[in-house]
Amino acid sequence: DKVAALLGHEAGLFAPTGSLANQLGLRLHVGPGQELVADQ
């Protein structure tokens, strides 16, 4: 709740690693065979 409020979002989820938190975020928005873009 604290982190969500700091960033102006509705809810948060604790993860043991930053990589997992990222991967969960990516999975929410991109389905299998779909694409994300990021810098090199």
All heavy atoms as atom14 arrays in JSON, in Angstrom:
{
  "sequence": "DKVAALLGHEAGLFAPTGSLANQLGLRLHVGPGQELVADQ",
  "atom14_mask": [
    [1, 1, 1, 1, 1, 1, 1, 1, 0, 0, 0, 0, 0, 0],
    [1, 1, 1, 1, 1, 1, 1, 1, 1, 0, 0, 0, 0, 0],
    [1, 1, 1, 1, 1, 1, 1, 0, 0, 0, 0, 0, 0, 0],
    [1, 1, 1, 1, 1, 0, 0, 0, 0, 0, 0, 0, 0, 0],
    [1, 1, 1, 1, 1, 0, 0, 0, 0, 0, 0, 0, 0, 0],
    [1, 1, 1, 1, 1, 1, 1, 1, 0, 0, 0, 0, 0, 0],
    [1, 1, 1, 1, 1, 1, 1, 1, 0, 0, 0, 0, 0, 0],
    [1, 1, 1, 1, 0, 0, 0, 0, 0, 0, 0, 0, 0, 0],
    [1, 1, 1, 1, 1, 1, 1, 1, 1, 1, 0, 0, 0, 0],
    [1, 1, 1, 1, 1, 1, 1, 1, 1, 0, 0, 0, 0, 0],
    [1, 1, 1, 1, 1, 0, 0, 0, 0, 0, 0, 0, 0, 0],
    [1, 1, 1, 1, 0, 0, 0, 0, 0, 0, 0, 0, 0, 0],
    [1, 1, 1, 1, 1, 1, 1, 1, 0, 0, 0, 0, 0, 0],
    [1, 1, 1, 1, 1, 1, 1, 1, 1, 1, 1, 0, 0, 0],
    [1, 1, 1, 1, 1, 0, 0, 0, 0, 0, 0, 0, 0, 0],
    [1, 1, 1, 1, 1, 1, 1, 0, 0, 0, 0, 0, 0, 0],
    [1, 1, 1, 1, 1, 1, 1, 0, 0, 0, 0, 0, 0, 0],
    [1, 1, 1, 1, 0, 0, 0, 0, 0, 0, 0, 0, 0, 0],
    [1, 1, 1, 1, 1, 1, 0, 0, 0, 0, 0, 0, 0, 0],
    [1, 1, 1, 1, 1, 1, 1, 1, 0, 0, 0, 0, 0, 0],
    [1, 1, 1, 1, 1, 0, 0, 0, 0, 0, 0, 0, 0, 0],
    [1, 1, 1, 1, 1, 1, 1, 1, 0, 0, 0, 0, 0, 0],
    [1, 1, 1, 1, 1, 1, 1, 1, 1, 0, 0, 0, 0, 0],
    [1, 1, 1, 1, 1, 1, 1, 1, 0, 0, 0, 0, 0, 0],
    [1, 1, 1, 1, 0, 0, 0, 0, 0, 0, 0, 0, 0, 0],
    [1, 1, 1, 1, 1, 1, 1, 1, 0, 0, 0, 0, 0, 0],
    [1, 1, 1, 1, 1, 1, 1, 1, 1, 1, 1, 0, 0, 0],
    [1, 1, 1, 1, 1, 1, 1, 1, 0, 0, 0, 0, 0, 0],
    [1, 1, 1, 1, 1, 1, 1, 1, 1, 1, 0, 0, 0, 0],
    [1, 1, 1, 1, 1, 1, 1, 0, 0, 0, 0, 0, 0, 0],
    [1, 1, 1, 1, 0, 0, 0, 0, 0, 0, 0, 0, 0, 0],
    [1, 1, 1, 1, 1, 1, 1, 0, 0, 0, 0, 0, 0, 0],
    [1, 1, 1, 1, 0, 0, 0, 0, 0, 0, 0, 0, 0, 0],
    [1, 1, 1, 1, 1, 1, 1, 1, 1, 0, 0, 0, 0, 0],
    [1, 1, 1, 1, 1, 1, 1, 1, 1, 0, 0, 0, 0, 0],
    [1, 1, 1, 1, 1, 1, 1, 1, 0, 0, 0, 0, 0, 0],
    [1, 1, 1, 1, 1, 1, 1, 0, 0, 0, 0, 0, 0, 0],
    [1, 1, 1, 1, 1, 0, 0, 0, 0, 0, 0, 0, 0, 0],
    [1, 1, 1, 1, 1, 1, 1, 1, 0, 0, 0, 0, 0, 0],
    [1, 1, 1, 1, 1, 1, 1, 1, 1, 0, 0, 0, 0, 0]
  ],
  "atom14_positions": [
    [[0.83, -1.21, 0.0], [0.0, 0.0, 0.0], [0.87, 1.26, 0.0], [0.54, 2.25, -0.68], [-0.92, 0.0, 1.21], [-2.01, -1.06, 1.14], [-2.23, -1.62, 0.05], [-2.64, -1.32, 2.19], [0.0, 0.0, 0.0], [0.0, 0.0, 0.0], [0.0, 0.0, 0.0], [0.0, 0.0, 0.0], [0.0, 0.0, 0.0], [0.0, 0.0, 0.0]],
    [[1.94, 1.23, 0.75], [2.83, 2.38, 0.86], [3.46, 2.72, -0.48], [3.46, 3.88, -0.92], [3.92, 2.09, 1.9], [4.87, 3.25, 2.2], [5.9, 2.83, 3.24], [6.79, 4.0, 3.67], [6.07, 4.97, 4.52], [0.0, 0.0, 0.0], [0.0, 0.0, 0.0], [0.0, 0.0, 0.0], [0.0, 0.0, 0.0], [0.0, 0.0, 0.0]],
    [[4.0, 1.7, -1.16], [4.66, 1.94, -2.44], [3.64, 2.36, -3.5], [3.9, 3.27, -4.31], [5.46, 0.7, -2.89], [6.07, 0.91, -4.27], [6.56, 0.39, -1.88], [0.0, 0.0, 0.0], [0.0, 0.0, 0.0], [0.0, 0.0, 0.0], [0.0, 0.0, 0.0], [0.0, 0.0, 0.0], [0.0, 0.0, 0.0], [0.0, 0.0, 0.0]],
    [[2.49, 1.71, -3.51], [1.46, 2.09, -4.48], [1.07, 3.56, -4.31], [0.94, 4.3, -5.29], [0.24, 1.19, -4.33], [0.0, 0.0, 0.0], [0.0, 0.0, 0.0], [0.0, 0.0, 0.0], [0.0, 0.0, 0.0], [0.0, 0.0, 0.0], [0.0, 0.0, 0.0], [0.0, 0.0, 0.0], [0.0, 0.0, 0.0], [0.0, 0.0, 0.0]],
    [[0.91, 4.0, -3.05], [0.54, 5.39, -2.81], [1.65, 6.35, -3.24], [1.38, 7.4, -3.82], [0.22, 5.58, -1.32], [0.0, 0.0, 0.0], [0.0, 0.0, 0.0], [0.0, 0.0, 0.0], [0.0, 0.0, 0.0], [0.0, 0.0, 0.0], [0.0, 0.0, 0.0], [0.0, 0.0, 0.0], [0.0, 0.0, 0.0], [0.0, 0.0, 0.0]],
    [[2.9, 5.98, -2.97], [4.02, 6.84, -3.36], [4.05, 7.06, -4.86], [4.44, 8.13, -5.34], [5.34, 6.21, -2.9], [5.67, 6.31, -1.41], [6.9, 5.45, -1.09], [5.91, 7.76, -1.0], [0.0, 0.0, 0.0], [0.0, 0.0, 0.0], [0.0, 0.0, 0.0], [0.0, 0.0, 0.0], [0.0, 0.0, 0.0], [0.0, 0.0, 0.0]],
    [[3.66, 6.04, -5.63], [3.73, 6.12, -7.09], [2.39, 6.46, -7.73], [2.29, 6.5, -8.96], [4.25, 4.79, -7.63], [5.7, 4.49, -7.26], [6.06, 3.05, -7.57], [6.66, 5.43, -7.99], [0.0, 0.0, 0.0], [0.0, 0.0, 0.0], [0.0, 0.0, 0.0], [0.0, 0.0, 0.0], [0.0, 0.0, 0.0], [0.0, 0.0, 0.0]],
    [[1.38, 6.72, -6.9], [0.09, 7.14, -7.43], [-0.69, 6.03, -8.09], [-1.5, 6.3, -9.0], [0.0, 0.0, 0.0], [0.0, 0.0, 0.0], [0.0, 0.0, 0.0], [0.0, 0.0, 0.0], [0.0, 0.0, 0.0], [0.0, 0.0, 0.0], [0.0, 0.0, 0.0], [0.0, 0.0, 0.0], [0.0, 0.0, 0.0], [0.0, 0.0, 0.0]],
    [[-0.51, 4.8, -7.64], [-1.24, 3.67, -8.22], [-2.18, 3.04, -7.19], [-2.08, 3.31, -5.98], [-0.27, 2.63, -8.78], [0.24, 2.99, -10.14], [-0.3, 2.5, -11.3], [1.24, 3.82, -10.52], [0.34, 3.0, -12.35], [1.29, 3.81, -11.89], [0.0, 0.0, 0.0], [0.0, 0.0, 0.0], [0.0, 0.0, 0.0], [0.0, 0.0, 0.0]],
    [[-3.05, 2.19, -7.69], [-4.11, 1.64, -6.85], [-3.64, 0.54, -5.92], [-4.11, 0.42, -4.79], [-5.22, 1.12, -7.78], [-6.52, 0.77, -7.08], [-7.61, 0.37, -8.06], [-7.31, 0.09, -9.24], [-8.79, 0.35, -7.63], [0.0, 0.0, 0.0], [0.0, 0.0, 0.0], [0.0, 0.0, 0.0], [0.0, 0.0, 0.0], [0.0, 0.0, 0.0]],
    [[-2.7, -0.29, -6.39], [-2.31, -1.46, -5.6], [-0.88, -1.85, -5.92], [-0.3, -1.41, -6.92], [-3.25, -2.64, -5.9], [0.0, 0.0, 0.0], [0.0, 0.0, 0.0], [0.0, 0.0, 0.0], [0.0, 0.0, 0.0], [0.0, 0.0, 0.0], [0.0, 0.0, 0.0], [0.0, 0.0, 0.0], [0.0, 0.0, 0.0], [0.0, 0.0, 0.0]],
    [[-0.31, -2.67, -5.04], [1.05, -3.15, -5.23], [1.15, -4.63, -4.96], [0.24, -5.24, -4.37], [0.0, 0.0, 0.0], [0.0, 0.0, 0.0], [0.0, 0.0, 0.0], [0.0, 0.0, 0.0], [0.0, 0.0, 0.0], [0.0, 0.0, 0.0], [0.0, 0.0, 0.0], [0.0, 0.0, 0.0], [0.0, 0.0, 0.0], [0.0, 0.0, 0.0]],
    [[2.28, -5.22, -5.38], [2.55, -6.64, -5.14], [4.03, -6.81, -4.84], [4.89, -6.4, -5.62], [2.17, -7.48, -6.37], [2.4, -9.0, -6.22], [1.41, -9.6, -5.23], [2.29, -9.7, -7.56], [0.0, 0.0, 0.0], [0.0, 0.0, 0.0], [0.0, 0.0, 0.0], [0.0, 0.0, 0.0], [0.0, 0.0, 0.0], [0.0, 0.0, 0.0]],
    [[4.33, -7.4, -3.69], [5.72, -7.64, -3.29], [6.28, -8.8, -4.1], [5.62, -9.82, -4.31], [5.77, -7.96, -1.8], [7.17, -8.16, -1.26], [7.98, -7.07, -1.0], [7.66, -9.43, -1.02], [9.27, -7.23, -0.5], [8.94, -9.61, -0.52], [9.75, -8.51, -0.27], [0.0, 0.0, 0.0], [0.0, 0.0, 0.0], [0.0, 0.0, 0.0]],
    [[7.53, -8.66, -4.54], [8.23, -9.72, -5.27], [9.63, -9.85, -4.68], [10.21, -8.87, -4.21], [8.32, -9.41, -6.76], [0.0, 0.0, 0.0], [0.0, 0.0, 0.0], [0.0, 0.0, 0.0], [0.0, 0.0, 0.0], [0.0, 0.0, 0.0], [0.0, 0.0, 0.0], [0.0, 0.0, 0.0], [0.0, 0.0, 0.0], [0.0, 0.0, 0.0]],
    [[10.2, -11.05, -4.72], [11.52, -11.22, -4.13], [12.64, -10.57, -4.92], [13.7, -10.28, -4.37], [11.7, -12.74, -4.07], [10.77, -13.28, -5.09], [9.61, -12.34, -5.12], [0.0, 0.0, 0.0], [0.0, 0.0, 0.0], [0.0, 0.0, 0.0], [0.0, 0.0, 0.0], [0.0, 0.0, 0.0], [0.0, 0.0, 0.0], [0.0, 0.0, 0.0]],
    [[12.44, -10.34, -6.22], [13.5, -9.76, -7.05], [12.93, -8.74, -8.02], [11.75, -8.79, -8.4], [14.23, -10.84, -7.89], [13.35, -11.3, -8.94], [14.68, -12.01, -7.02], [0.0, 0.0, 0.0], [0.0, 0.0, 0.0], [0.0, 0.0, 0.0], [0.0, 0.0, 0.0], [0.0, 0.0, 0.0], [0.0, 0.0, 0.0], [0.0, 0.0, 0.0]],
    [[13.81, -7.85, -8.47], [13.41, -6.88, -9.47], [13.11, -7.52, -10.81], [12.2, -7.09, -11.53], [0.0, 0.0, 0.0], [0.0, 0.0, 0.0], [0.0, 0.0, 0.0], [0.0, 0.0, 0.0], [0.0, 0.0, 0.0], [0.0, 0.0, 0.0], [0.0, 0.0, 0.0], [0.0, 0.0, 0.0], [0.0, 0.0, 0.0], [0.0, 0.0, 0.0]],
    [[13.87, -8.55, -11.14], [13.61, -9.23, -12.41], [12.22, -9.85, -12.42], [11.51, -9.79, -13.43], [14.67, -10.31, -12.66], [15.93, -9.72, -12.94], [0.0, 0.0, 0.0], [0.0, 0.0, 0.0], [0.0, 0.0, 0.0], [0.0, 0.0, 0.0], [0.0, 0.0, 0.0], [0.0, 0.0, 0.0], [0.0, 0.0, 0.0], [0.0, 0.0, 0.0]],
    [[11.82, -10.47, -11.31], [10.48, -11.06, -11.26], [9.41, -9.97, -11.33], [8.41, -10.13, -12.04], [10.3, -11.9, -9.99], [8.92, -12.54, -9.84], [8.59, -13.44, -11.03], [8.82, -13.32, -8.54], [0.0, 0.0, 0.0], [0.0, 0.0, 0.0], [0.0, 0.0, 0.0], [0.0, 0.0, 0.0], [0.0, 0.0, 0.0], [0.0, 0.0, 0.0]],
    [[9.62, -8.87, -10.62], [8.64, -7.78, -10.7], [8.5, -7.29, -12.13], [7.38, -7.06, -12.61], [9.07, -6.64, -9.77], [0.0, 0.0, 0.0], [0.0, 0.0, 0.0], [0.0, 0.0, 0.0], [0.0, 0.0, 0.0], [0.0, 0.0, 0.0], [0.0, 0.0, 0.0], [0.0, 0.0, 0.0], [0.0, 0.0, 0.0], [0.0, 0.0, 0.0]],
    [[9.62, -7.16, -12.84], [9.54, -6.76, -14.25], [8.8, -7.8, -15.07], [7.93, -7.47, -15.89], [10.95, -6.58, -14.82], [11.52, -5.21, -14.55], [10.79, -4.24, -14.35], [12.83, -5.11, -14.55], [0.0, 0.0, 0.0], [0.0, 0.0, 0.0], [0.0, 0.0, 0.0], [0.0, 0.0, 0.0], [0.0, 0.0, 0.0], [0.0, 0.0, 0.0]],
    [[9.14, -9.07, -14.89], [8.53, -10.12, -15.7], [7.03, -10.22, -15.47], [6.26, -10.49, -16.4], [9.22, -11.46, -15.43], [10.64, -11.53, -15.96], [10.75, -11.2, -17.43], [9.98, -11.69, -18.25], [11.72, -10.35, -17.77], [0.0, 0.0, 0.0], [0.0, 0.0, 0.0], [0.0, 0.0, 0.0], [0.0, 0.0, 0.0], [0.0, 0.0, 0.0]],
    [[6.61, -10.0, -14.24], [5.17, -9.98, -13.97], [4.52, -8.81, -14.69], [3.43, -8.95, -15.27], [4.92, -9.9, -12.47], [5.33, -11.12, -11.65], [5.21, -10.83, -10.17], [4.5, -12.33, -12.04], [0.0, 0.0, 0.0], [0.0, 0.0, 0.0], [0.0, 0.0, 0.0], [0.0, 0.0, 0.0], [0.0, 0.0, 0.0], [0.0, 0.0, 0.0]],
    [[5.19, -7.65, -14.67], [4.64, -6.5, -15.38], [4.53, -6.74, -16.87], [3.52, -6.42, -17.5], [0.0, 0.0, 0.0], [0.0, 0.0, 0.0], [0.0, 0.0, 0.0], [0.0, 0.0, 0.0], [0.0, 0.0, 0.0], [0.0, 0.0, 0.0], [0.0, 0.0, 0.0], [0.0, 0.0, 0.0], [0.0, 0.0, 0.0], [0.0, 0.0, 0.0]],
    [[5.55, -7.35, -17.45], [5.52, -7.63, -18.89], [4.4, -8.61, -19.22], [3.67, -8.43, -20.21], [6.87, -8.2, -19.35], [8.14, -7.39, -19.04], [9.34, -8.03, -19.73], [7.99, -5.94, -19.44], [0.0, 0.0, 0.0], [0.0, 0.0, 0.0], [0.0, 0.0, 0.0], [0.0, 0.0, 0.0], [0.0, 0.0, 0.0], [0.0, 0.0, 0.0]],
    [[4.26, -9.64, -18.4], [3.25, -10.67, -18.66], [1.84, -10.12, -18.62], [0.95, -10.62, -19.32], [3.41, -11.81, -17.63], [2.48, -13.0, -17.87], [2.8, -13.66, -19.2], [1.9, -14.75, -19.53], [0.67, -14.6, -20.02], [0.18, -13.39, -20.22], [-0.07, -15.66, -20.32], [0.0, 0.0, 0.0], [0.0, 0.0, 0.0], [0.0, 0.0, 0.0]],
    [[1.62, -9.08, -17.83], [0.29, -8.49, -17.75], [-0.13, -7.84, -19.06], [-1.32, -7.79, -19.37], [0.25, -7.44, -16.64], [0.36, -7.95, -15.21], [0.51, -6.77, -14.25], [-0.84, -8.8, -14.83], [0.0, 0.0, 0.0], [0.0, 0.0, 0.0], [0.0, 0.0, 0.0], [0.0, 0.0, 0.0], [0.0, 0.0, 0.0], [0.0, 0.0, 0.0]],
    [[0.83, -7.33, -19.8], [0.52, -6.51, -20.97], [0.77, -7.18, -22.31], [0.23, -6.73, -23.32], [1.35, -5.23, -20.92], [1.2, -4.44, -19.66], [-0.01, -3.93, -19.24], [2.11, -4.09, -18.71], [0.15, -3.29, -18.09], [1.44, -3.37, -17.75], [0.0, 0.0, 0.0], [0.0, 0.0, 0.0], [0.0, 0.0, 0.0], [0.0, 0.0, 0.0]],
    [[1.59, -8.22, -22.33], [2.01, -8.81, -23.6], [1.73, -10.31, -23.57], [2.24, -11.03, -22.72], [3.52, -8.57, -23.86], [3.86, -8.91, -25.31], [3.92, -7.14, -23.54], [0.0, 0.0, 0.0], [0.0, 0.0, 0.0], [0.0, 0.0, 0.0], [0.0, 0.0, 0.0], [0.0, 0.0, 0.0], [0.0, 0.0, 0.0], [0.0, 0.0, 0.0]],
    [[0.92, -10.77, -24.53], [0.62, -12.18, -24.62], [1.65, -12.92, -25.44], [2.5, -12.32, -26.12], [0.0, 0.0, 0.0], [0.0, 0.0, 0.0], [0.0, 0.0, 0.0], [0.0, 0.0, 0.0], [0.0, 0.0, 0.0], [0.0, 0.0, 0.0], [0.0, 0.0, 0.0], [0.0, 0.0, 0.0], [0.0, 0.0, 0.0], [0.0, 0.0, 0.0]],
    [[1.61, -14.25, -25.42], [2.54, -15.05, -26.23], [2.47, -14.66, -27.7], [1.39, -14.55, -28.27], [2.05, -16.49, -26.0], [1.36, -16.45, -24.68], [0.7, -15.1, -24.62], [0.0, 0.0, 0.0], [0.0, 0.0, 0.0], [0.0, 0.0, 0.0], [0.0, 0.0, 0.0], [0.0, 0.0, 0.0], [0.0, 0.0, 0.0], [0.0, 0.0, 0.0]],
    [[3.64, -14.45, -28.29], [3.72, -14.07, -29.7], [3.55, -12.59, -29.95], [3.73, -12.13, -31.09], [0.0, 0.0, 0.0], [0.0, 0.0, 0.0], [0.0, 0.0, 0.0], [0.0, 0.0, 0.0], [0.0, 0.0, 0.0], [0.0, 0.0, 0.0], [0.0, 0.0, 0.0], [0.0, 0.0, 0.0], [0.0, 0.0, 0.0], [0.0, 0.0, 0.0]],
    [[3.19, -11.84, -28.92], [3.1, -10.39, -29.06], [4.45, -9.76, -28.75], [5.4, -10.43, -28.39], [2.0, -9.84, -28.15], [0.6, -10.31, -28.55], [-0.48, -9.77, -27.64], [-0.25, -9.49, -26.46], [-1.68, -9.62, -28.19], [0.0, 0.0, 0.0], [0.0, 0.0, 0.0], [0.0, 0.0, 0.0], [0.0, 0.0, 0.0], [0.0, 0.0, 0.0]],
    [[4.51, -8.43, -28.88], [5.79, -7.75, -28.87], [5.86, -6.64, -27.82], [4.9, -5.91, -27.59], [6.02, -7.12, -30.25], [7.25, -6.24, -30.39], [7.3, -5.58, -31.74], [6.63, -4.54, -31.94], [8.01, -6.1, -32.61], [0.0, 0.0, 0.0], [0.0, 0.0, 0.0], [0.0, 0.0, 0.0], [0.0, 0.0, 0.0], [0.0, 0.0, 0.0]],
    [[7.04, -6.53, -27.21], [7.4, -5.34, -26.46], [8.57, -4.67, -27.16], [9.33, -5.32, -27.88], [7.76, -5.67, -25.0], [9.04, -6.48, -24.71], [10.3, -5.61, -24.69], [8.91, -7.19, -23.37], [0.0, 0.0, 0.0], [0.0, 0.0, 0.0], [0.0, 0.0, 0.0], [0.0, 0.0, 0.0], [0.0, 0.0, 0.0], [0.0, 0.0, 0.0]],
    [[8.73, -3.37, -26.92], [9.9, -2.65, -27.43], [10.59, -1.97, -26.26], [9.93, -1.47, -25.33], [9.53, -1.63, -28.53], [8.96, -2.34, -29.74], [8.56, -0.57, -28.02], [0.0, 0.0, 0.0], [0.0, 0.0, 0.0], [0.0, 0.0, 0.0], [0.0, 0.0, 0.0], [0.0, 0.0, 0.0], [0.0, 0.0, 0.0], [0.0, 0.0, 0.0]],
    [[11.92, -1.97, -26.29], [12.73, -1.35, -25.25], [14.04, -0.9, -25.89], [14.36, -1.31, -27.02], [13.01, -2.33, -24.12], [0.0, 0.0, 0.0], [0.0, 0.0, 0.0], [0.0, 0.0, 0.0], [0.0, 0.0, 0.0], [0.0, 0.0, 0.0], [0.0, 0.0, 0.0], [0.0, 0.0, 0.0], [0.0, 0.0, 0.0], [0.0, 0.0, 0.0]],
    [[14.8, -0.07, -25.2], [16.06, 0.36, -25.79], [17.09, -0.77, -25.72], [16.97, -1.7, -24.93], [16.58, 1.63, -25.12], [17.26, 1.36, -23.8], [18.48, 1.1, -23.79], [16.57, 1.39, -22.76], [0.0, 0.0, 0.0], [0.0, 0.0, 0.0], [0.0, 0.0, 0.0], [0.0, 0.0, 0.0], [0.0, 0.0, 0.0], [0.0, 0.0, 0.0]],
    [[18.11, -0.68, -26.54], [19.05, -1.79, -26.72], [19.88, -2.08, -25.48], [20.48, -3.16, -25.36], [19.98, -1.49, -27.89], [20.88, -0.28, -27.67], [21.73, 0.04, -28.89], [21.54, -0.56, -29.94], [22.66, 0.96, -28.74], [0.0, 0.0, 0.0], [0.0, 0.0, 0.0], [0.0, 0.0, 0.0], [0.0, 0.0, 0.0], [0.0, 0.0, 0.0]]
  ]
}
